[in-house]
Every structure is written in C-alpha cells, then in structure tokens.
C-alpha atoms as a PDB file:
ATOM      1  CA  MET A   1       0.258   0.450  -0.085  1.00  0.00           C
ATOM      2  CA  HIS A   2       0.512   3.913  -0.788  1.00  0.00           C
ATOM      3  CA  PRO A   3       2.017   5.448   2.231  1.00  0.00           C
ATOM      4  CA  ALA A   4      -0.134   8.705   2.528  1.00  0.00           C
ATOM      5  CA  PHE A   5       1.281  11.068   5.565  1.00  0.00           C
ATOM      6  CA  SER A   6      -1.552  12.429   6.356  1.00  0.00           C
ATOM      7  CA  ILE A   7      -2.695   9.256   7.873  1.00  0.00           C
ATOM      8  CA  LEU A   8       1.219   8.442   9.169  1.00  0.00           C
ATOM      9  CA  PHE A   9       1.061  11.753  11.206  1.00  0.00           C
ATOM     10  CA  PHE A  10      -2.313  11.443  12.183  1.00  0.00           C
ATOM     11  CA  THR A  11      -1.968   8.114  13.679  1.00  0.00           C
ATOM     12  CA  THR A  12       0.566   8.616  15.655  1.00  0.00           C
ATOM     13  CA  LEU A  13       0.281  12.322  17.146  1.00  0.00           C
ATOM     14  CA  ALA A  14      -3.190  10.784  18.132  1.00  0.00           C
ATOM     15  CA  GLY A  15      -1.543   7.614  19.359  1.00  0.00           C
ATOM     16  CA  THR A  16       0.704   9.494  21.356  1.00  0.00           C
ATOM     17  CA  GLY A  17      -1.746  11.892  22.774  1.00  0.00           C
ATOM     18  CA  GLN A  18      -3.919   8.928  24.012  1.00  0.00           C
ATOM     19  CA  GLY A  19      -0.622   6.976  25.138  1.00  0.00           C
ATOM     20  CA  LEU A  20      -0.445  10.451  27.357  1.00  0.00           C
ATOM     21  CA  LEU A  21      -3.651  10.961  28.780  1.00  0.00           C
ATOM     22  CA  VAL A  22      -3.452   7.055  30.102  1.00  0.00           C
ATOM     23  CA  LEU A  23      -0.559   8.038  32.063  1.00  0.00           C
ATOM     24  CA  MET A  24      -1.709  11.128  32.789  1.00  0.00           C
ATOM     25  CA  ALA A  25      -5.495   9.697  33.710  1.00  0.00           C
ATOM     26  CA  LEU A  26      -3.826   5.989  35.804  1.00  0.00           C
ATOM     27  CA  ALA A  27      -0.983   8.481  37.811  1.00  0.00           C
ATOM     28  CA  LEU A  28      -3.742  10.692  38.742  1.00  0.00           C
ATOM     29  CA  LEU A  29      -6.054   7.573  40.513  1.00  0.00           C
ATOM     30  CA  LEU A  30      -3.323   6.319  42.114  1.00  0.00           C
ATOM     31  CA  GLY A  31      -2.612   9.297  43.811  1.00  0.00           C
ATOM     32  CA  VAL A  32       0.534   9.794  42.464  1.00  0.00           C
ATOM     33  CA  PRO A  33       1.687  13.504  43.921  1.00  0.00           C
ATOM     34  CA  MET A  34       1.824  15.532  41.404  1.00  0.00           C
ATOM     35  CA  ALA A  35       2.291  20.040  40.844  1.00  0.00           C
ATOM     36  CA  SER A  36      -1.456  20.787  39.533  1.00  0.00           C
ATOM     37  CA  GLY A  37       0.206  22.878  36.620  1.00  0.00           C
ATOM     38  CA  PHE A  38       2.260  19.979  35.868  1.00  0.00           C
ATOM     39  CA  VAL A  39      -0.652  18.376  35.205  1.00  0.00           C
ATOM     40  CA  LEU A  40      -2.703  20.801  32.930  1.00  0.00           C
ATOM     41  CA  ALA A  41       0.331  21.382  30.970  1.00  0.00           C
ATOM     42  CA  ALA A  42       0.399  17.249  30.421  1.00  0.00           C
ATOM     43  CA  ILE A  43      -3.451  17.591  29.126  1.00  0.00           C
ATOM     44  CA  GLY A  44      -2.949  20.400  27.224  1.00  0.00           C
ATOM     45  CA  LEU A  45      -0.121  18.705  24.953  1.00  0.00           C
ATOM     46  CA  ALA A  46      -1.820  16.167  24.986  1.00  0.00           C
ATOM     47  CA  GLN A  47      -5.435  17.561  23.409  1.00  0.00           C
ATOM     48  CA  ALA A  48      -2.460  19.362  21.299  1.00  0.00           C
ATOM     49  CA  LEU A  49      -1.522  15.765  20.199  1.00  0.00           C
ATOM     50  CA  LEU A  50      -5.199  14.742  19.391  1.00  0.00           C
ATOM     51  CA  LEU A  51      -6.201  18.160  17.468  1.00  0.00           C
ATOM     52  CA  ALA A  52      -2.735  17.900  15.368  1.00  0.00           C
ATOM     53  CA  GLY A  53      -3.764  14.778  14.277  1.00  0.00           C
ATOM     54  CA  LEU A  54      -7.323  15.498  13.488  1.00  0.00           C
ATOM     55  CA  ALA A  55      -5.867  18.121  11.122  1.00  0.00           C
ATOM     56  CA  ALA A  56      -3.588  16.112   9.629  1.00  0.00           C
ATOM     57  CA  SER A  57      -6.201  13.755   8.468  1.00  0.00           C
ATOM     58  CA  PHE A  58      -8.260  16.041   6.315  1.00  0.00           C
ATOM     59  CA  LEU A  59      -5.444  16.752   4.570  1.00  0.00           C
ATOM     60  CA  HIS A  60      -6.266  13.273   3.176  1.00  0.00           C
ATOM     61  CA  LEU A  61      -9.427  14.203   2.106  1.00  0.00           C
ATOM     62  CA  GLY A  62     -10.130  14.401  -1.449  1.00  0.00           C
ATOM     63  CA  HIS A  63     -13.383  16.444  -1.054  1.00  0.00           C
ATOM     64  CA  LYS A  64     -13.366  18.072   2.530  1.00  0.00           C
ATOM     65  CA  MET A  65     -16.436  19.567   3.098  1.00  0.00           C
ATOM     66  CA  ARG A  66     -18.125  16.223   3.161  1.00  0.00           C
ATOM     67  CA  ALA A  67     -16.281  15.217   5.660  1.00  0.00           C
ATOM     68  CA  TRP A  68     -19.265  14.571   8.122  1.00  0.00           C
ATOM     69  CA  ARG A  69     -20.711  11.627   5.656  1.00  0.00           C
ATOM     70  CA  ALA A  70     -18.394   9.775   7.390  1.00  0.00           C
ATOM     71  CA  VAL A  71     -20.655   9.191  10.243  1.00  0.00           C
ATOM     72  CA  LEU A  72     -23.203   7.600   8.300  1.00  0.00           C
ATOM     73  CA  MET A  73     -22.216   4.717   7.901  1.00  0.00           C
ATOM     74  CA  TRP A  74     -21.221   3.573  11.970  1.00  0.00           C
ATOM     75  CA  ARG A  75     -22.628   0.403  12.481  1.00  0.00           C
ATOM     76  CA  THR A  76     -20.410  -1.398   9.875  1.00  0.00           C
ATOM     77  CA  SER A  77     -17.711   1.223   8.948  1.00  0.00           C
ATOM     78  CA  TRP A  78     -15.043   1.671  11.838  1.00  0.00           C
ATOM     79  CA  MET A  79     -14.098   4.895   9.893  1.00  0.00           C
ATOM     80  CA  SER A  80     -17.484   5.936  10.723  1.00  0.00           C
ATOM     81  CA  ARG A  81     -16.968   5.032  14.640  1.00  0.00           C
ATOM     82  CA  GLU A  82     -13.435   5.807  14.806  1.00  0.00           C
ATOM     83  CA  VAL A  83     -14.655   9.305  13.395  1.00  0.00           C
ATOM     84  CA  ILE A  84     -17.225   9.614  15.950  1.00  0.00           C
ATOM     85  CA  LEU A  85     -15.115   8.604  18.567  1.00  0.00           C
ATOM     86  CA  LEU A  86     -12.362  10.786  17.672  1.00  0.00           C
ATOM     87  CA  PRO A  87     -13.956  14.092  18.139  1.00  0.00           C
ATOM     88  CA  ALA A  88     -16.188  12.525  21.249  1.00  0.00           C
ATOM     89  CA  PHE A  89     -12.733  11.817  22.976  1.00  0.00           C
ATOM     90  CA  ILE A  90     -11.582  15.676  22.992  1.00  0.00           C
ATOM     91  CA  GLY A  91     -14.028  16.792  23.860  1.00  0.00           C
ATOM     92  CA  LEU A  92     -14.226  14.516  26.754  1.00  0.00           C
ATOM     93  CA  VAL A  93     -10.269  15.929  27.430  1.00  0.00           C
ATOM     94  CA  ALA A  94     -11.644  19.615  27.282  1.00  0.00           C
ATOM     95  CA  LEU A  95     -14.514  18.653  29.997  1.00  0.00           C
ATOM     96  CA  TRP A  96     -11.601  17.067  32.494  1.00  0.00           C
ATOM     97  CA  TRP A  97      -9.080  19.883  31.527  1.00  0.00           C
ATOM     98  CA  LEU A  98     -11.820  22.268  32.500  1.00  0.00           C
ATOM     99  CA  ALA A  99     -12.635  20.414  35.992  1.00  0.00           C
ATOM    100  CA  LEU A 100      -9.252  20.071  37.036  1.00  0.00           C
ATOM    101  CA  ALA A 101      -8.342  23.559  36.150  1.00  0.00           C
ATOM    102  CA  ALA A 102     -11.383  25.184  38.178  1.00  0.00           C
ATOM    103  CA  GLY A 103     -11.266  22.462  40.904  1.00  0.00           C
ATOM    104  CA  GLY A 104      -8.665  24.648  42.776  1.00  0.00           C
ATOM    105  CA  SER A 105      -6.832  21.203  44.270  1.00  0.00           C
ATOM    106  CA  LEU A 106      -6.200  18.326  42.006  1.00  0.00           C
ATOM    107  CA  ALA A 107      -7.190  15.800  45.047  1.00  0.00           C
ATOM    108  CA  SER A 108     -10.302  17.448  45.703  1.00  0.00           C
ATOM    109  CA  GLY A 109     -13.743  16.732  43.852  1.00  0.00           C
ATOM    110  CA  VAL A 110     -15.026  13.046  42.545  1.00  0.00           C
ATOM    111  CA  LEU A 111     -15.623  15.074  39.148  1.00  0.00           C
ATOM    112  CA  GLY A 112     -11.615  15.043  38.473  1.00  0.00           C
ATOM    113  CA  THR A 113     -10.269  12.413  40.002  1.00  0.00           C
ATOM    114  CA  VAL A 114     -12.330   9.124  40.196  1.00  0.00           C
ATOM    115  CA  TRP A 115     -14.477   8.855  36.981  1.00  0.00           C
ATOM    116  CA  LEU A 116     -13.147  11.549  34.086  1.00  0.00           C
ATOM    117  CA  PRO A 117     -10.051   9.810  34.793  1.00  0.00           C
ATOM    118  CA  ALA A 118     -11.412   6.350  33.723  1.00  0.00           C
ATOM    119  CA  LEU A 119     -13.616   7.360  31.508  1.00  0.00           C
ATOM    120  CA  VAL A 120     -10.707   9.151  29.618  1.00  0.00           C
ATOM    121  CA  VAL A 121      -8.620   5.636  29.465  1.00  0.00           C
ATOM    122  CA  LEU A 122     -11.607   3.213  28.853  1.00  0.00           C
ATOM    123  CA  SER A 123     -12.315   6.373  26.314  1.00  0.00           C
ATOM    124  CA  ALA A 124      -8.890   6.202  24.624  1.00  0.00           C
ATOM    125  CA  LEU A 125      -8.482   2.383  24.836  1.00  0.00           C
ATOM    126  CA  ALA A 126     -11.868   2.069  22.302  1.00  0.00           C
ATOM    127  CA  LEU A 127     -10.382   4.950  20.259  1.00  0.00           C
ATOM    128  CA  TRP A 128      -7.501   2.371  19.819  1.00  0.00           C
ATOM    129  CA  TYR A 129      -9.040   0.028  18.753  1.00  0.00           C
ATOM    130  CA  CYS A 130     -11.314   1.769  16.370  1.00  0.00           C
ATOM    131  CA  THR A 131      -7.962   2.904  15.016  1.00  0.00           C
ATOM    132  CA  ALA A 132      -6.611  -0.530  14.695  1.00  0.00           C
ATOM    133  CA  MET A 133      -9.825  -2.503  13.445  1.00  0.00           C
ATOM    134  CA  ILE A 134      -9.859  -0.513  10.509  1.00  0.00           C
ATOM    135  CA  TYR A 135      -7.133  -2.020   9.081  1.00  0.00           C
ATOM    136  CA  ALA A 136      -7.608  -5.403  10.526  1.00  0.00           C
ATOM    137  CA  CYS A 137     -11.584  -5.928   9.381  1.00  0.00           C
ATOM    138  CA  LEU A 138      -9.556  -5.630   5.453  1.00  0.00           C
ATOM    139  CA  ARG A 139      -9.503  -9.755   5.082  1.00  0.00           C
ATOM    140  CA  PHE A 140      -7.902  -9.611   1.879  1.00  0.00           C
ATOM    141  CA  ILE A 141      -4.985  -6.952   3.163  1.00  0.00           C
ATOM    142  CA  GLU A 142      -3.425 -10.145   4.802  1.00  0.00           C
ATOM    143  CA  GLU A 143      -0.724  -8.696   6.159  1.00  0.00           C
ATOM    144  CA  TRP A 144      -3.201  -6.695   8.708  1.00  0.00           C
ATOM    145  CA  ALA A 145      -5.638  -8.812   9.273  1.00  0.00           C
ATOM    146  CA  HIS A 146      -4.545 -10.351  12.636  1.00  0.00           C
ATOM    147  CA  PRO A 147      -5.062  -9.548  16.399  1.00  0.00           C
ATOM    148  CA  LEU A 148      -1.209  -8.502  16.225  1.00  0.00           C
ATOM    149  CA  THR A 149      -2.832  -5.573  14.178  1.00  0.00           C
ATOM    150  CA  VAL A 150      -4.511  -4.111  17.391  1.00  0.00           C
ATOM    151  CA  VAL A 151      -2.219  -4.842  19.406  1.00  0.00           C
ATOM    152  CA  ASN A 152       0.692  -3.002  18.145  1.00  0.00           C
ATOM    153  CA  PHE A 153      -1.586  -0.114  17.447  1.00  0.00           C
ATOM    154  CA  ILE A 154      -2.731  -0.021  21.882  1.00  0.00           C
ATOM    155  CA  LEU A 155       1.056  -0.780  22.535  1.00  0.00           C
ATOM    156  CA  ILE A 156       2.928   1.320  20.524  1.00  0.00           C
ATOM    157  CA  GLY A 157       0.257   4.120  21.231  1.00  0.00           C
ATOM    158  CA  LEU A 158       1.258   3.480  25.199  1.00  0.00           C
ATOM    159  CA  SER A 159       4.732   2.878  24.633  1.00  0.00           C
ATOM    160  CA  ALA A 160       5.259   6.903  23.217  1.00  0.00           C
ATOM    161  CA  GLY A 161       2.824   8.507  25.370  1.00  0.00           C
ATOM    162  CA  LEU A 162       4.918   7.100  28.378  1.00  0.00           C
ATOM    163  CA  VAL A 163       8.290   7.575  26.773  1.00  0.00           C
ATOM    164  CA  LEU A 164       7.322  11.566  26.253  1.00  0.00           C
ATOM    165  CA  GLY A 165       5.569  11.699  29.797  1.00  0.00           C
ATOM    166  CA  CYS A 166       8.493  10.277  31.620  1.00  0.00           C
ATOM    167  CA  ALA A 167       9.965  12.873  29.090  1.00  0.00           C
ATOM    168  CA  LEU A 168       7.881  15.672  30.529  1.00  0.00           C
ATOM    169  CA  ALA A 169       8.433  15.053  34.100  1.00  0.00           C
ATOM    170  CA  SER A 170      12.065  14.545  33.711  1.00  0.00           C
ATOM    171  CA  LEU A 171      11.946  18.440  32.612  1.00  0.00           C
ATOM    172  CA  ALA A 172       9.745  19.396  35.130  1.00  0.00           C
ATOM    173  CA  GLY A 173      11.421  17.737  38.178  1.00  0.00           C
ATOM    174  CA  GLU A 174       8.568  15.663  38.990  1.00  0.00           C
ATOM    175  CA  GLN A 175      10.600  12.653  40.412  1.00  0.00           C
ATOM    176  CA  ALA A 176       7.613  10.997  42.151  1.00  0.00           C
ATOM    177  CA  LEU A 177       5.613  10.666  38.700  1.00  0.00           C
ATOM    178  CA  LEU A 178       8.682   9.505  37.454  1.00  0.00           C
ATOM    179  CA  ARG A 179       9.809   7.123  39.561  1.00  0.00           C
ATOM    180  CA  ALA A 180       5.761   5.248  39.382  1.00  0.00           C
ATOM    181  CA  THR A 181       6.338   5.801  35.307  1.00  0.00           C
ATOM    182  CA  GLY A 182       9.288   5.396  34.544  1.00  0.00           C
ATOM    183  CA  PRO A 183       9.785   1.251  34.595  1.00  0.00           C
ATOM    184  CA  TRP A 184       6.310   1.518  33.173  1.00  0.00           C
ATOM    185  CA  ALA A 185       7.880   2.993  30.267  1.00  0.00           C
ATOM    186  CA  PHE A 186      10.673   0.604  29.667  1.00  0.00           C
ATOM    187  CA  THR A 187       8.948  -2.515  30.194  1.00  0.00           C
ATOM    188  CA  VAL A 188       5.687  -0.858  27.606  1.00  0.00           C
ATOM    189  CA  THR A 189       8.641  -0.478  24.987  1.00  0.00           C
ATOM    190  CA  TRP A 190      10.031  -3.978  25.292  1.00  0.00           C
ATOM    191  CA  LEU A 191       6.680  -5.060  25.165  1.00  0.00           C
ATOM    192  CA  ALA A 192       5.581  -3.518  22.330  1.00  0.00           C
ATOM    193  CA  TRP A 193       8.907  -4.345  20.019  1.00  0.00           C
ATOM    194  CA  ALA A 194       8.308  -7.469  21.004  1.00  0.00           C
ATOM    195  CA  THR A 195       4.794  -7.791  19.653  1.00  0.00           C
ATOM    196  CA  ARG A 196       5.845  -5.418  16.910  1.00  0.00           C
ATOM    197  CA  ARG A 197       8.739  -7.544  15.872  1.00  0.00           C
ATOM    198  CA  LEU A 198       6.430 -10.876  16.053  1.00  0.00           C
ATOM    199  CA  SER A 199       4.261  -8.981  13.376  1.00  0.00           C
ATOM    200  CA  LEU A 200       6.994  -8.563  11.362  1.00  0.00           C
ATOM    201  CA  ARG A 201       7.929 -12.085  11.956  1.00  0.00           C
ATOM    202  CA  ARG A 202       4.434 -13.243  10.887  1.00  0.00           C
ATOM    203  CA  ASN A 203       3.812 -11.162   7.395  1.00  0.00           C
ATOM    204  CA  SER A 204       7.531 -12.341   6.037  1.00  0.00           C
ATOM    205  CA  LEU A 205       6.220 -15.945   6.719  1.00  0.00           C
ATOM    206  CA  LEU A 206       2.994 -15.152   4.750  1.00  0.00           C
ATOM    207  CA  ARG A 207       1.653 -16.988   1.337  1.00  0.00           C
ATOM    208  CA  HIS A 208      -0.692 -15.345   0.344  1.00  0.00           C
ATOM    209  CA  LYS A 209      -3.781 -16.566  -1.303  1.00  0.00           C
ATOM    210  CA  SER A 210      -3.701 -14.315  -3.834  1.00  0.00           C
ATOM    211  CA  ASN A 211      -1.560 -15.439  -6.682  1.00  0.00           C
ATOM    212  CA  LEU A 212      -0.997 -14.605 -10.777  1.00  0.00           C
ATOM    213  CA  GLN A 213      -3.834 -17.307 -11.674  1.00  0.00           C
ATOM    214  CA  SER A 214      -6.017 -15.740  -9.409  1.00  0.00           C
ATOM    215  CA  ALA A 215      -5.709 -12.272 -10.319  1.00  0.00           C
ATOM    216  CA  THR A 216      -5.613 -12.876 -14.370  1.00  0.00           C
ATOM    217  CA  GLY A 217      -7.637 -15.718 -14.269  1.00  0.00           C
ATOM    218  CA  ILE A 218      -5.479 -17.566 -16.038  1.00  0.00           C
ATOM    219  CA  ARG A 219      -5.274 -20.919 -15.145  1.00  0.00           C
ATOM    220  CA  SER A 220      -2.081 -22.260 -16.626  1.00  0.00           C
ATOM    221  CA  GLU A 221       0.671 -23.328 -14.050  1.00  0.00           C
ATOM    222  CA  ARG A 222       3.832 -22.219 -15.948  1.00  0.00           C
ATOM    223  CA  LEU A 223       1.906 -17.887 -15.643  1.00  0.00           C
ATOM    224  CA  VAL A 224       4.964 -15.478 -16.611  1.00  0.00           C
ATOM    225  CA  GLN A 225       3.685 -11.593 -16.474  1.00  0.00           C
ATOM    226  CA  LYS A 226       6.048  -9.537 -19.285  1.00  0.00           C
ATOM    227  CA  SER A 227       3.843  -6.443 -17.968  1.00  0.00           C
ATOM    228  CA  MET A 228       2.265  -4.436 -15.329  1.00  0.00           C
ATOM    229  CA  GLY A 229      -0.865  -4.673 -17.381  1.00  0.00           C
ATOM    230  CA  MET A 230      -1.207  -1.023 -18.894  1.00  0.00           C
ATOM    231  CA  SER A 231       1.137   1.127 -20.397  1.00  0.00           C
ATOM    232  CA  ALA A 232       0.785   4.229 -18.286  1.00  0.00           C
ATOM    233  CA  GLY A 233       0.222   5.280 -14.317  1.00  0.00           C
ATOM    234  CA  SER A 234      -3.030   4.856 -12.970  1.00  0.00           C
ATOM    235  CA  PHE A 235      -4.804   5.538  -9.151  1.00  0.00           C
ATOM    236  CA  ASN A 236      -4.189   2.090  -8.898  1.00  0.00           C
ATOM    237  CA  THR A 237      -0.244   1.820  -9.611  1.00  0.00           C
ATOM    238  CA  ARG A 238      -0.498   5.588  -7.210  1.00  0.00           C
ATOM    239  CA  GLU A 239      -2.552   4.698  -4.795  1.00  0.00           C
ATOM    240  CA  PHE A 240      -1.932   0.624  -4.137  1.00  0.00           C
ATOM    241  CA  PHE A 241       2.134   0.257  -4.155  1.00  0.00           C
ATOM    242  CA  HIS A 242       4.459   2.344  -2.618  1.00  0.00           C
ATOM    243  CA  GLY A 243       7.239   2.453  -5.476  1.00  0.00           C
ATOM    244  CA  ALA A 244      10.214   1.646  -2.589  1.00  0.00           C
ATOM    245  CA  SER A 245      12.997  -1.250  -3.283  1.00  0.00           C
ATOM    246  CA  ALA A 246      13.505  -4.143  -1.342  1.00  0.00           C
ATOM    247  CA  ALA A 247      16.159  -2.714  -0.105  1.00  0.00           C
ATOM    248  CA  ALA A 248      14.855   0.196   1.740  1.00  0.00           C
ATOM    249  CA  LEU A 249      12.083  -1.458   2.769  1.00  0.00           C
ATOM    250  CA  ARG A 250      14.932  -3.619   4.909  1.00  0.00           C
ATOM    251  CA  HIS A 251      16.377  -0.585   6.121  1.00  0.00           C
ATOM    252  CA  VAL A 252      13.293   1.058   7.009  1.00  0.00           C
ATOM    253  CA  ARG A 253      12.665  -1.912   8.673  1.00  0.00           C
ATOM    254  CA  TRP A 254      15.588  -2.087  10.696  1.00  0.00           C
ATOM    255  CA  GLY A 255      16.371   1.755  11.693  1.00  0.00           C
ATOM    256  CA  PHE A 256      12.699   2.438  13.073  1.00  0.00           C
ATOM    257  CA  GLN A 257      12.767  -0.842  15.246  1.00  0.00           C
ATOM    258  CA  LEU A 258      16.321   0.733  16.313  1.00  0.00           C
ATOM    259  CA  LEU A 259      14.777   4.880  16.979  1.00  0.00           C
ATOM    260  CA  THR A 260      11.667   3.040  18.920  1.00  0.00           C
ATOM    261  CA  PHE A 261      12.533   0.379  20.794  1.00  0.00           C
ATOM    262  CA  GLY A 262      16.611  -0.660  20.685  1.00  0.00           C
ATOM    263  CA  LEU A 263      17.992   2.609  21.283  1.00  0.00           C
ATOM    264  CA  PRO A 264      15.220   4.345  23.552  1.00  0.00           C
ATOM    265  CA  VAL A 265      15.219   0.926  25.536  1.00  0.00           C
ATOM    266  CA  LEU A 266      19.053   1.497  26.438  1.00  0.00           C
ATOM    267  CA  LEU A 267      18.281   5.089  27.721  1.00  0.00           C
ATOM    268  CA  MET A 268      15.546   4.820  29.627  1.00  0.00           C
ATOM    269  CA  GLY A 269      17.600   1.490  31.293  1.00  0.00           C
ATOM    270  CA  TRP A 270      20.144   4.483  31.972  1.00  0.00           C
ATOM    271  CA  GLY A 271      17.582   6.365  32.917  1.00  0.00           C
ATOM    272  CA  LEU A 272      16.261   4.858  35.219  1.00  0.00           C
ATOM    273  CA  VAL A 273      19.872   3.956  37.071  1.00  0.00           C
ATOM    274  CA  ASN A 274      21.197   7.132  36.452  1.00  0.00           C
ATOM    275  CA  ALA A 275      17.888   9.369  37.684  1.00  0.00           C
ATOM    276  CA  GLY A 276      19.386  12.405  35.346  1.00  0.00           C
ATOM    277  CA  ALA A 277      16.762  14.184  32.161  1.00  0.00           C
ATOM    278  CA  TRP A 278      18.845  13.731  29.465  1.00  0.00           C
ATOM    279  CA  PRO A 279      17.864   9.791  28.597  1.00  0.00           C
ATOM    280  CA  TRP A 280      14.480  10.423  28.677  1.00  0.00           C
ATOM    281  CA  LEU A 281      14.338  13.397  26.736  1.00  0.00           C
ATOM    282  CA  LEU A 282      16.696  11.668  24.530  1.00  0.00           C
ATOM    283  CA  ALA A 283      14.468   8.910  24.353  1.00  0.00           C
ATOM    284  CA  ALA A 284      11.808  10.663  23.189  1.00  0.00           C
ATOM    285  CA  LEU A 285      13.268  12.644  20.748  1.00  0.00           C
ATOM    286  CA  LEU A 286      14.846   9.122  18.876  1.00  0.00           C
ATOM    287  CA  GLN A 287      11.447   7.304  18.872  1.00  0.00           C
ATOM    288  CA  ALA A 288       9.434  10.412  17.097  1.00  0.00           C
ATOM    289  CA  PRO A 289      11.157   9.458  13.697  1.00  0.00           C
ATOM    290  CA  GLY A 290      11.109   6.069  14.766  1.00  0.00           C
ATOM    291  CA  LEU A 291       7.119   6.491  15.376  1.00  0.00           C
ATOM    292  CA  LEU A 292       6.676   7.454  11.684  1.00  0.00           C
ATOM    293  CA  ALA A 293       8.947   5.190   9.927  1.00  0.00           C
ATOM    294  CA  GLU A 294       6.856   2.477  11.985  1.00  0.00           C
ATOM    295  CA  ARG A 295       3.715   3.425  10.492  1.00  0.00           C
ATOM    296  CA  TRP A 296       4.743   4.149   6.935  1.00  0.00           C
ATOM    297  CA  LEU A 297       6.162   0.383   6.706  1.00  0.00           C
ATOM    298  CA  PHE A 298       3.374  -0.712   8.744  1.00  0.00           C
ATOM    299  CA  PHE A 299       1.859   0.762   5.081  1.00  0.00           C
ATOM    300  CA  ALA A 300       3.946  -0.430   2.711  1.00  0.00           C
ATOM    301  CA  GLN A 301       4.882  -3.752   3.837  1.00  0.00           C
ATOM    302  CA  ALA A 302       0.859  -4.242   3.306  1.00  0.00           C
ATOM    303  CA  LYS A 303       0.833  -6.365  -0.500  1.00  0.00           C
ATOM    304  CA  HIS A 304      -2.368  -5.312  -1.802  1.00  0.00           C
ATOM    305  CA  PRO A 305      -4.020  -8.435  -3.816  1.00  0.00           C
ATOM    306  CA  GLN A 306      -4.454  -5.716  -7.238  1.00  0.00           C
ATOM    307  CA  ASN A 307      -0.229  -5.296  -7.426  1.00  0.00           C
ATOM    308  CA  LEU A 308       0.138  -8.969  -8.392  1.00  0.00           C
ATOM    309  CA  TYR A 309      -1.655  -8.018 -12.107  1.00  0.00           C
ATOM    310  CA  TYR A 310      -0.678  -3.994 -11.782  1.00  0.00           C
ATOM    311  CA  GLN A 311       2.596  -4.019  -9.797  1.00  0.00           C
ATOM    312  CA  THR A 312       4.689  -7.552 -10.418  1.00  0.00           C
ATOM    313  CA  VAL A 313       7.118  -7.389 -13.619  1.00  0.00           C
ATOM    314  CA  SER A 314       9.217 -10.428 -14.808  1.00  0.00           C
END
C-alpha cells in the first residue's frame, strides 16, 4: 500500500496523545503526587497532539466539505466509529482539563479525580481499537488481518505516551511521577517491540492466497508476467503501491526498530539507573521519527492483491 503522510501523522500524533492521557489519568487515579500546573500542561499537550492529528487526517480527504458523511455508516464501518469517537474523546479531555482547572486542588472533587480519568482511559482504549480495526478488518490484506494489528496500535501508542510523559516529568522535576511510571515506560516499550517483531516475522512468512493465476483468471501452471497490465500509471499504481525497493524496506524495518524501541530502551534503562533528565528527553526525541517510520512500514509492507496484476513485472 502507498503510505499517505497525512495518515502517518494522524495515527502517530493521536496515538501519542492517547498514551500521554492514559499515563496522566492512571497517575491521578493511583494518587501519584504531582503539581497541578504540570498536570494541566501535560493534558493540554496531549490535547494539542489529538487536535494536530485530527487536522492531519483532513489532508487525506479529497472533498473536505463532505467529511461529515463519514459518520453515516457507523453501524458497519470502523472508520465511521473512529470519526465519531475522536471528536467525542477530544471533548471529554477538554471537560477533564476544565474540571481540574476549576477544582483548585487536584485532590478535591469526584468529578476531576474518579470517573473522568477512568472514562479517559476507557475512551483511549476504544479509540485505539477502532483505529486498528480499520485495517485489521480488511481480510484481503493479510498483513493487517490479524489481532497483532490491534495489539501493536495499543502498545506502540502507550509506549510513545509513556516515554513522552517521563521526559516531561524529568524536565519538570516531577520525580514521584518519574519513579512511578519510568519502569512501566521501559516495560511497555519492550512489550511493544516484542509484539511488533512478532508481526514482522508473521508477515515475512505469509503465503498469500492470491497469485498471478487468481489475479488474471489464467489457470496455467507456468504463468509469467511481462507487463503491469497497462501502459501508463493510474490510480491503482499510485495508491496501492509505495514504489520503494526491497532494500529500502529492509533499511526502514531495521531503522524504525532502532529508533522506536532499541535506543529508547537503552536510554530509559540508563535513566532509571542515573535518574537524570537527558536520557528520557533523548529517548523521546529519538522515538518520534521512529514512530513515523514504523507506521510508514506498516502501510508499505501491506500487499494489496491488485498489485499482482498492476505492479509485478518479471
């Protein structure tokens, strides 16, 4: 598939914002001591990431004035459910921020400390699930049609939010939050790496059900393709194939693992021992481009069956 950069930015920005919000909500529910100004700033940053992701998603639309129609198929479409849930989630986060800002103290009021944070966590998980199921429900794209797609969306989003939250805590001197969530950031990033490697291994061993015979309708056992099925490019050749070489895919595969998981894990391990701010900040900075590269490969590695006819040339 062709990775659209608007979707790459949407899924990475929104996923990171969701992870940061889950971190802050759980920290408040567990009673981790934090300065009210830091909590409001962190929630505000997460909200900005969600809004930036929403804005990026609009760039993918051909007719932006018709975007409202995406909600009409909510009974059967995971994309429609995501379109409904994302603005609702942004509204919920805004309500939570206002409740905390108006409460005066983070330890007072059931509104700000019990059901709103819990609802934020549940809504974030539901939004991750809807986003992942947009791809996992496509049975004809076998690289995506697996429960690991959902698991990876959730764990990678959590990892990004936890690493960012720990970097912010180290920068703001919130040592209680860093001590409480630092080990979790380290562990979740390891788990995200392990499950992403499982999905990469699974995809590399796939034996696709579609082949040249099924794509062309020619049942000959010895079938060799000599052209891509047309003399010029088209929507099919642009939107369903990335155009990158196999060597480029291999480089991105190893590069994103190093930036998203490998180096951040090493830096976080050092941060847990050294208790300094710079390992956490560097881990967050390195992970940001790695997240985009990971999501690029997620799309580029998916093989649409039509490419058997339009892209493969002997």
